[in-house]
Amino acid sequence: MVLKRRKEYLKLINPQSISIFYSGKAPHLSADSYYPFYVNKNFWYLSGINQEDTYLVIVKGDLNYDTFLFTKKPDPLLALWVGESLSFEEAAKISNIKYENIFDISEFENFVTNLLTSSRRSSFGSIYELYFDFDRFSFKDLPKENELLANDFKDKFPYLKISNSHPSLVNLRKTKDELEIKSIKEAIAISNLANTHLLNTLKNALNESDVLAEFLYILNKKNVIPSFDPIVAGGINATILHYTDNNQPLNKDDLILLDLGVKYNEYASDITRTYPLSGKFTKRQKEVYEAVLSVNKDIINWVKPGITLKEYNDKGKELLIKYAKEINLIKHDDEISKYYYHSLGHPLGLDVHDVVNPLMPLKEGDVITVEPGLYIKEEGIGVRIEDDLLITKDGVINLSKEIIKEVDDIERLLK
């Protein structure tokens, strides 16, 4: 599948170019400790390799192209400390790159330099353009390795055009292939298993941390990790959108909001459910919950290919206003911003909030979330219900439909 993805990428870039992708490296934490390593998603998407300090190089000439990988040779001594790294044979099999095109990382700079000079031009012709994967989240972020490398090459080869490969990868990653959808389904299946376990243990939970521990227990048994920082929010804490303390006592009269995700084969699930700790919704809790649930279900029945994310979010807000008025939460449309302060959903894939071109309408194969919510601080009620949806040619498939959300089902199971 990675070979097919690279061929699709080649269609989107100019000839006489070199594209360079870096897997990343675990940042230094303190003393001899490092943060966990997370592979660069675009590097992984095109190579299938999950190993730090590795370069993928794609060369496109006028008439031919080729792909190369630069990684560290296995070190028997280092393996005693941190475990075995990929052999070149293993890397070739995973990446579908010819064994003879895999080199030690120490050869990377000289190899690319040779392609830019007369000694190697005969292979692909003259190279005029270098593509790097630029994706700056904020102005104040520190420069990443690819930015530093691009500047270095620009200094040494000022005649080269430096271009950004990221927009092309956004367009490719937006629509999921069969293997990607399968991985997302597997992540959701584990989410369902964890959610069922939490419902069966919820009555014994005295603290948010008790619930979190049970969630992580299931993930550890499945040898997976969360796809984002878990949110386990009881009572008023559920009105904080990105609450992650997860350590406050639970009141049995409150609701508990569980926004939890699983990462499987690098792909994410993102599910939110809200449950009554007592086992039964109060009248007001049920009103608010069913208002949010109605929006969730209405959107699932409404969304289809051709809709833009702006239209999607506008529709969600319109429906939340309608149901918020029905439960006497608001009287005027503009009051909704006090109780609903996020978008209706987002693309889902290798990233929980996956890469997106907001101008491109939804199409078959896209995966998005639907997560309406109402957050009433003065009543200590926060409700969000989130599902993961696969866009089909006619509408959507709710990939997380097995994770219970109907009031009767919840109360029956908790009883």
Protein backbone atom coordinates (compact mmCIF):
# COMPACT_ATOMS: atom_id res chain seq x y z
CA MET A 1 0.00 0.00 0.00
CA VAL A 2 2.88 2.43 0.72
CA LEU A 3 4.13 1.91 -2.84
CA LYS A 4 0.72 2.94 -4.18
CA ARG A 5 0.73 6.00 -1.92
CA ARG A 6 4.16 7.06 -3.18
CA LYS A 7 2.96 6.71 -6.78
CA GLU A 8 -0.03 8.93 -6.01
CA TYR A 9 2.28 11.46 -4.37
CA LEU A 10 4.52 11.53 -7.45
CA LYS A 11 1.56 12.63 -9.55
CA LEU A 12 1.20 15.77 -7.42
CA ILE A 13 4.77 17.09 -7.55
CA ASN A 14 6.97 18.55 -10.27
CA PRO A 15 9.55 16.51 -12.19
CA GLN A 16 13.29 17.09 -11.76
CA SER A 17 12.80 17.22 -8.00
CA ILE A 18 13.80 15.47 -4.80
CA SER A 19 11.38 15.02 -1.89
CA ILE A 20 12.85 14.50 1.57
CA PHE A 21 10.88 13.19 4.56
CA TYR A 22 12.29 12.74 8.07
CA SER A 23 10.88 10.31 10.65
CA GLY A 24 11.79 12.56 13.57
CA LYS A 25 13.71 12.06 16.78
CA ALA A 26 12.68 11.89 20.42
CA PRO A 27 13.31 15.33 22.02
CA HIS A 28 15.63 15.60 25.01
CA LEU A 29 13.81 15.76 28.35
CA SER A 30 16.42 16.05 31.09
CA ALA A 31 19.80 14.56 31.97
CA ASP A 32 19.88 11.21 30.13
CA SER A 33 16.10 11.05 29.61
CA TYR A 34 14.15 11.67 26.42
CA TYR A 35 10.50 12.21 25.57
CA PRO A 36 8.78 9.29 23.83
CA PHE A 37 9.37 9.06 20.10
CA TYR A 38 6.38 9.58 17.80
CA VAL A 39 6.98 9.04 14.11
CA ASN A 40 6.26 11.85 11.65
CA LYS A 41 2.90 10.94 10.14
CA ASN A 42 3.70 11.83 6.53
CA PHE A 43 6.98 9.90 6.68
CA TRP A 44 5.10 6.87 8.03
CA TYR A 45 2.29 7.25 5.48
CA LEU A 46 4.77 6.97 2.59
CA SER A 47 7.18 4.43 4.09
CA GLY A 48 5.45 2.30 6.74
CA ILE A 49 8.63 2.65 8.83
CA ASN A 50 8.30 3.53 12.52
CA GLN A 51 11.89 4.23 13.49
CA GLU A 52 13.51 7.47 14.52
CA ASP A 53 16.30 9.30 12.73
CA THR A 54 15.45 7.95 9.28
CA TYR A 55 15.15 9.73 5.92
CA LEU A 56 12.92 8.85 2.99
CA VAL A 57 14.12 10.31 -0.32
CA ILE A 58 11.95 10.28 -3.43
CA VAL A 59 13.61 11.37 -6.69
CA LYS A 60 11.46 12.24 -9.70
CA GLY A 61 13.10 12.78 -13.07
CA ASP A 62 11.43 13.49 -16.39
CA LEU A 63 11.26 9.85 -17.40
CA ASN A 64 12.00 7.88 -14.22
CA TYR A 65 11.82 7.96 -10.45
CA ASP A 66 13.25 6.04 -7.53
CA THR A 67 12.97 5.87 -3.74
CA PHE A 68 15.72 5.58 -1.14
CA LEU A 69 15.84 5.08 2.62
CA PHE A 70 18.57 6.19 5.01
CA THR A 71 18.57 4.73 8.50
CA LYS A 72 20.97 3.53 11.16
CA LYS A 73 22.58 0.14 10.77
CA PRO A 74 21.65 -2.22 13.62
CA ASP A 75 24.06 -1.82 16.54
CA PRO A 76 24.49 -5.04 18.60
CA LEU A 77 25.76 -3.11 21.64
CA LEU A 78 22.92 -0.56 21.54
CA ALA A 79 20.45 -3.42 21.13
CA LEU A 80 21.45 -4.64 24.60
CA TRP A 81 20.19 -1.35 26.04
CA VAL A 82 17.15 -0.42 23.95
CA GLY A 83 16.33 -3.48 21.84
CA GLU A 84 16.85 -4.38 18.21
CA SER A 85 16.39 -1.81 15.45
CA LEU A 86 15.19 -2.68 11.96
CA SER A 87 17.64 -4.50 9.74
CA PHE A 88 17.97 -3.24 6.18
CA GLU A 89 16.19 -6.41 5.02
CA GLU A 90 13.25 -5.73 7.35
CA ALA A 91 13.11 -2.09 6.31
CA ALA A 92 13.05 -3.10 2.64
CA LYS A 93 10.16 -5.50 3.22
CA ILE A 94 8.07 -3.01 5.23
CA SER A 95 8.67 -0.02 2.95
CA ASN A 96 8.65 -1.85 -0.39
CA ILE A 97 11.92 -0.11 -1.22
CA LYS A 98 14.65 -2.10 -2.99
CA TYR A 99 17.27 -3.46 -0.60
CA GLU A 100 20.03 -1.91 -2.70
CA ASN A 101 18.36 1.51 -2.16
CA ILE A 102 18.69 1.40 1.63
CA PHE A 103 21.79 3.01 3.14
CA ASP A 104 23.26 4.02 6.45
CA ILE A 105 22.11 7.47 7.54
CA SER A 106 25.71 8.71 7.48
CA GLU A 107 25.52 8.61 3.67
CA PHE A 108 22.40 10.77 3.38
CA GLU A 109 23.92 14.21 2.81
CA ASN A 110 26.55 13.03 0.33
CA PHE A 111 23.98 11.01 -1.59
CA VAL A 112 21.63 13.95 -2.05
CA THR A 113 24.54 16.27 -2.81
CA ASN A 114 25.69 13.92 -5.58
CA LEU A 115 22.23 14.03 -7.13
CA LEU A 116 22.51 17.81 -7.24
CA THR A 117 25.91 17.83 -8.90
CA SER A 118 27.18 16.79 -12.30
CA SER A 119 28.53 13.46 -11.11
CA ARG A 120 25.03 11.95 -10.74
CA ARG A 121 22.87 14.09 -13.03
CA SER A 122 22.87 11.45 -15.71
CA SER A 123 20.65 9.20 -13.57
CA PHE A 124 17.68 11.57 -13.33
CA GLY A 125 18.76 14.71 -15.15
CA SER A 126 19.30 18.07 -13.49
CA ILE A 127 17.43 18.65 -10.22
CA TYR A 128 15.83 22.07 -9.81
CA GLU A 129 13.54 21.63 -6.82
CA LEU A 130 13.66 20.20 -3.30
CA TYR A 131 10.45 19.31 -1.46
CA PHE A 132 10.33 19.30 2.34
CA ASP A 133 7.41 18.55 4.64
CA PHE A 134 6.69 21.94 6.25
CA ASP A 135 3.86 22.07 8.76
CA ARG A 136 4.28 24.87 11.28
CA PHE A 137 1.56 24.87 13.95
CA SER A 138 2.39 28.31 15.39
CA PHE A 139 4.82 31.16 14.76
CA LYS A 140 6.63 30.52 18.05
CA ASP A 141 7.30 26.82 17.48
CA LEU A 142 10.98 25.92 17.38
CA PRO A 143 12.32 25.01 13.92
CA LYS A 144 11.98 21.33 13.06
CA GLU A 145 14.69 19.21 11.50
CA ASN A 146 13.22 19.55 8.01
CA GLU A 147 13.22 23.35 8.24
CA LEU A 148 16.84 23.38 9.37
CA LEU A 149 17.79 20.96 6.62
CA ALA A 150 15.98 23.00 3.97
CA ASN A 151 17.84 26.14 5.02
CA ASP A 152 21.12 24.23 4.94
CA PHE A 153 20.54 23.00 1.39
CA LYS A 154 19.38 26.44 0.28
CA ASP A 155 22.61 27.98 1.59
CA LYS A 156 24.74 25.46 -0.29
CA PHE A 157 22.62 25.31 -3.47
CA PRO A 158 21.02 28.79 -3.81
CA TYR A 159 19.73 28.07 -7.31
CA LEU A 160 17.36 25.37 -6.00
CA LYS A 161 13.66 26.00 -5.49
CA ILE A 162 12.47 24.92 -2.04
CA SER A 163 8.85 23.71 -2.02
CA ASN A 164 6.41 22.33 0.52
CA SER A 165 5.20 18.75 0.09
CA HIS A 166 2.72 19.01 2.97
CA PRO A 167 -0.32 20.26 0.98
CA SER A 168 0.00 17.29 -1.37
CA LEU A 169 0.07 14.91 1.59
CA VAL A 170 -2.99 16.61 3.08
CA ASN A 171 -4.92 15.89 -0.11
CA LEU A 172 -3.76 12.26 -0.15
CA ARG A 173 -4.33 11.55 3.54
CA LYS A 174 -7.81 13.13 3.57
CA THR A 175 -9.41 10.09 1.92
CA LYS A 176 -8.62 6.76 3.56
CA ASP A 177 -7.74 3.54 1.78
CA GLU A 178 -8.91 0.07 2.86
CA LEU A 179 -6.00 -0.58 5.21
CA GLU A 180 -6.46 2.78 6.90
CA ILE A 181 -10.17 2.20 7.45
CA LYS A 182 -9.40 -1.27 8.81
CA SER A 183 -6.94 0.20 11.33
CA ILE A 184 -9.45 2.84 12.45
CA LYS A 185 -12.08 0.13 12.89
CA GLU A 186 -9.65 -1.89 15.02
CA ALA A 187 -8.97 1.17 17.19
CA ILE A 188 -12.72 1.70 17.62
CA ALA A 189 -13.23 -1.97 18.49
CA ILE A 190 -10.73 -1.62 21.34
CA SER A 191 -12.49 1.60 22.38
CA ASN A 192 -15.74 -0.35 22.53
CA LEU A 193 -14.12 -3.05 24.66
CA ALA A 194 -12.72 -0.43 27.03
CA ASN A 195 -16.03 1.44 27.20
CA THR A 196 -17.93 -1.74 28.10
CA HIS A 197 -15.39 -2.48 30.82
CA LEU A 198 -15.76 1.05 32.21
CA LEU A 199 -19.54 0.74 32.34
CA ASN A 200 -19.21 -2.52 34.27
CA THR A 201 -16.81 -0.98 36.80
CA LEU A 202 -18.24 2.54 37.02
CA LYS A 203 -20.34 1.90 40.12
CA ASN A 204 -17.18 1.19 42.15
CA ALA A 205 -15.32 4.34 41.04
CA LEU A 206 -14.72 6.92 43.75
CA ASN A 207 -12.34 9.16 41.81
CA GLU A 208 -11.80 10.10 38.17
CA SER A 209 -8.42 8.39 38.46
CA ASP A 210 -10.15 5.07 39.20
CA VAL A 211 -11.94 5.26 35.84
CA LEU A 212 -8.77 6.27 34.01
CA ALA A 213 -6.90 3.32 35.55
CA GLU A 214 -9.54 0.89 34.26
CA PHE A 215 -9.29 2.40 30.76
CA LEU A 216 -5.51 2.10 30.70
CA TYR A 217 -5.78 -1.46 32.03
CA ILE A 218 -7.70 -2.55 28.92
CA LEU A 219 -5.30 -0.70 26.61
CA ASN A 220 -2.31 -2.32 28.27
CA LYS A 221 -3.89 -5.75 27.82
CA LYS A 222 -4.31 -4.98 24.10
CA ASN A 223 -0.77 -3.57 23.84
CA VAL A 224 -1.96 -0.20 22.54
CA ILE A 225 -1.76 3.37 23.83
CA PRO A 226 -4.21 6.29 23.99
CA SER A 227 -4.45 8.35 20.80
CA PHE A 228 -4.59 11.53 22.91
CA ASP A 229 -4.55 12.56 26.56
CA PRO A 230 -7.64 10.90 28.07
CA ILE A 231 -10.45 13.05 29.48
CA VAL A 232 -12.30 11.61 32.49
CA ALA A 233 -14.43 14.45 33.81
CA GLY A 234 -17.02 14.18 36.55
CA GLY A 235 -19.69 16.81 37.21
CA ILE A 236 -18.63 20.41 36.58
CA ASN A 237 -15.23 19.26 35.27
CA ALA A 238 -17.05 18.09 32.13
CA THR A 239 -17.71 21.73 31.24
CA ILE A 240 -13.94 22.19 30.69
CA LEU A 241 -13.37 21.17 27.09
CA HIS A 242 -9.81 19.82 27.43
CA TYR A 243 -9.89 18.77 31.06
CA THR A 244 -7.05 16.33 31.73
CA ASP A 245 -6.44 16.41 35.49
CA ASN A 246 -8.49 13.23 35.84
CA ASN A 247 -7.96 13.14 39.60
CA GLN A 248 -11.02 14.59 41.35
CA PRO A 249 -13.51 12.75 43.61
CA LEU A 250 -16.73 11.60 41.94
CA ASN A 251 -20.20 12.56 43.14
CA LYS A 252 -22.73 9.81 42.47
CA ASP A 253 -25.39 12.40 41.58
CA ASP A 254 -23.27 13.75 38.70
CA LEU A 255 -22.65 12.77 35.11
CA ILE A 256 -19.22 11.61 33.99
CA LEU A 257 -17.86 12.55 30.55
CA LEU A 258 -15.40 10.12 28.97
CA ASP A 259 -13.49 11.40 25.94
CA LEU A 260 -11.14 8.54 25.15
CA GLY A 261 -9.24 7.33 22.12
CA VAL A 262 -7.04 4.43 21.08
CA LYS A 263 -4.10 4.34 18.67
CA TYR A 264 -3.86 1.17 16.59
CA ASN A 265 -1.24 0.78 13.86
CA GLU A 266 -0.77 4.59 14.12
CA TYR A 267 -4.48 5.27 13.42
CA ALA A 268 -6.77 6.86 15.99
CA SER A 269 -10.23 6.39 17.40
CA ASP A 270 -11.88 9.32 19.17
CA ILE A 271 -15.02 8.49 21.15
CA THR A 272 -16.93 10.49 23.77
CA ARG A 273 -19.72 9.17 25.95
CA THR A 274 -21.48 10.70 28.96
CA TYR A 275 -23.00 8.54 31.68
CA PRO A 276 -24.86 9.00 35.00
CA LEU A 277 -22.71 7.87 37.92
CA SER A 278 -25.84 6.91 39.85
CA GLY A 279 -26.92 4.57 37.07
CA LYS A 280 -29.95 6.70 36.19
CA PHE A 281 -30.27 10.16 34.62
CA THR A 282 -32.08 12.83 36.59
CA LYS A 283 -34.87 14.62 34.74
CA ARG A 284 -32.62 17.58 33.86
CA GLN A 285 -29.64 15.44 32.98
CA LYS A 286 -31.82 13.42 30.64
CA GLU A 287 -33.18 16.58 28.97
CA VAL A 288 -29.69 17.89 28.25
CA TYR A 289 -28.38 14.48 27.23
CA GLU A 290 -31.20 13.79 24.79
CA ALA A 291 -30.83 17.26 23.26
CA VAL A 292 -27.17 16.49 22.48
CA LEU A 293 -28.02 12.95 21.34
CA SER A 294 -30.65 14.32 18.95
CA VAL A 295 -28.06 16.55 17.28
CA ASN A 296 -25.64 13.62 17.05
CA LYS A 297 -28.24 11.40 15.36
CA ASP A 298 -29.67 14.14 13.13
CA ILE A 299 -26.20 14.92 11.76
CA ILE A 300 -25.46 11.24 11.10
CA ASN A 301 -28.67 11.05 9.04
CA TRP A 302 -27.95 14.34 7.23
CA VAL A 303 -24.25 14.38 6.31
CA LYS A 304 -23.16 13.16 2.85
CA PRO A 305 -20.45 13.74 0.24
CA GLY A 306 -20.20 17.28 -1.13
CA ILE A 307 -20.74 19.02 2.20
CA THR A 308 -17.94 21.34 3.35
CA LEU A 309 -16.68 21.42 6.92
CA LYS A 310 -18.12 24.92 7.29
CA GLU A 311 -21.56 23.67 6.27
CA TYR A 312 -21.09 20.73 8.62
CA ASN A 313 -20.26 22.96 11.59
CA ASP A 314 -23.00 25.45 10.75
CA LYS A 315 -25.59 22.66 10.66
CA GLY A 316 -24.46 21.38 14.04
CA LYS A 317 -24.75 24.80 15.61
CA GLU A 318 -28.18 25.32 14.04
CA LEU A 319 -29.42 22.05 15.53
CA LEU A 320 -27.93 22.72 18.95
CA ILE A 321 -29.71 26.10 19.04
CA LYS A 322 -32.98 24.36 18.18
CA TYR A 323 -32.72 21.72 20.91
CA ALA A 324 -31.25 24.11 23.50
CA LYS A 325 -34.37 26.24 23.10
CA GLU A 326 -36.60 23.18 23.51
CA ILE A 327 -35.07 22.41 26.91
CA ASN A 328 -35.27 26.10 27.94
CA LEU A 329 -31.52 26.51 28.10
CA ILE A 330 -31.50 29.56 25.79
CA LYS A 331 -34.03 31.99 24.34
CA HIS A 332 -31.90 33.70 21.67
CA ASP A 333 -29.63 32.12 19.06
CA ASP A 334 -26.50 34.00 20.09
CA GLU A 335 -26.71 32.59 23.62
CA ILE A 336 -25.57 29.20 22.37
CA SER A 337 -21.92 30.30 22.49
CA LYS A 338 -22.11 30.26 26.30
CA TYR A 339 -22.91 26.53 26.29
CA TYR A 340 -21.24 25.27 23.10
CA TYR A 341 -17.74 26.46 22.19
CA HIS A 342 -16.14 24.05 19.79
CA SER A 343 -16.66 22.72 16.28
CA LEU A 344 -19.02 19.85 15.45
CA GLY A 345 -16.21 17.53 14.43
CA HIS A 346 -12.91 17.03 12.64
CA PRO A 347 -11.15 14.66 10.24
CA LEU A 348 -9.76 11.53 11.89
CA GLY A 349 -6.86 9.35 10.84
CA LEU A 350 -3.15 9.22 11.58
CA ASP A 351 -3.72 12.30 13.72
CA VAL A 352 -6.72 12.60 16.02
CA HIS A 353 -7.33 16.01 14.50
CA ASP A 354 -6.17 14.85 11.11
CA VAL A 355 -4.73 17.02 8.36
CA VAL A 356 -7.38 18.89 6.43
CA ASN A 357 -7.92 21.25 3.52
CA PRO A 358 -11.01 23.14 4.77
CA LEU A 359 -11.98 24.13 1.23
CA MET A 360 -12.29 20.54 0.01
CA PRO A 361 -15.80 19.09 0.46
CA LEU A 362 -16.30 15.71 2.06
CA LYS A 363 -16.08 12.74 -0.27
CA GLU A 364 -16.38 8.97 -0.13
CA GLY A 365 -13.61 7.50 2.01
CA ASP A 366 -13.21 10.47 4.36
CA VAL A 367 -13.44 9.79 8.10
CA ILE A 368 -14.74 12.50 10.43
CA THR A 369 -16.06 12.80 13.97
CA VAL A 370 -19.43 14.15 15.06
CA GLU A 371 -19.28 15.52 18.61
CA PRO A 372 -22.04 17.96 19.63
CA GLY A 373 -22.00 19.07 23.23
CA LEU A 374 -23.66 21.32 25.81
CA TYR A 375 -21.75 22.59 28.84
CA ILE A 376 -23.84 24.18 31.58
CA LYS A 377 -21.45 25.28 34.28
CA GLU A 378 -24.11 26.74 36.56
CA GLU A 379 -25.86 23.36 36.66
CA GLY A 380 -22.70 21.25 36.84
CA ILE A 381 -23.70 19.43 33.66
CA GLY A 382 -21.41 18.74 30.69
CA VAL A 383 -22.56 16.41 27.93
CA ARG A 384 -20.73 15.44 24.75
CA ILE A 385 -21.51 12.46 22.51
CA GLU A 386 -18.93 11.69 19.84
CA ASP A 387 -18.93 9.10 17.08
CA ASP A 388 -16.53 8.32 14.22
CA LEU A 389 -18.08 8.40 10.75
CA LEU A 390 -16.98 6.99 7.39
CA ILE A 391 -18.31 8.98 4.44
CA THR A 392 -19.92 6.74 1.80
CA LYS A 393 -21.28 7.58 -1.65
CA ASP A 394 -24.77 8.07 -0.22
CA GLY A 395 -24.21 9.19 3.38
CA VAL A 396 -22.17 7.76 6.25
CA ILE A 397 -21.45 4.61 8.20
CA ASN A 398 -21.23 5.16 11.94
CA LEU A 399 -18.11 3.14 12.75
CA SER A 400 -18.72 3.46 16.51
CA LYS A 401 -22.41 2.57 16.55
CA GLU A 402 -21.76 -0.43 18.82
CA ILE A 403 -20.71 1.86 21.68
CA ILE A 404 -23.98 2.43 23.51
CA LYS A 405 -25.47 5.89 23.79
CA GLU A 406 -29.27 5.50 24.08
CA VAL A 407 -30.66 6.42 27.52
CA ASP A 408 -32.54 3.13 27.99
CA ASP A 409 -29.51 1.05 27.02
CA ILE A 410 -27.24 2.99 29.37
CA GLU A 411 -29.57 2.78 32.34
CA ARG A 412 -30.28 -0.90 31.70
CA LEU A 413 -26.58 -1.78 31.63
CA LEU A 414 -25.67 0.37 34.64
CA LYS A 415 -28.54 -1.14 36.62
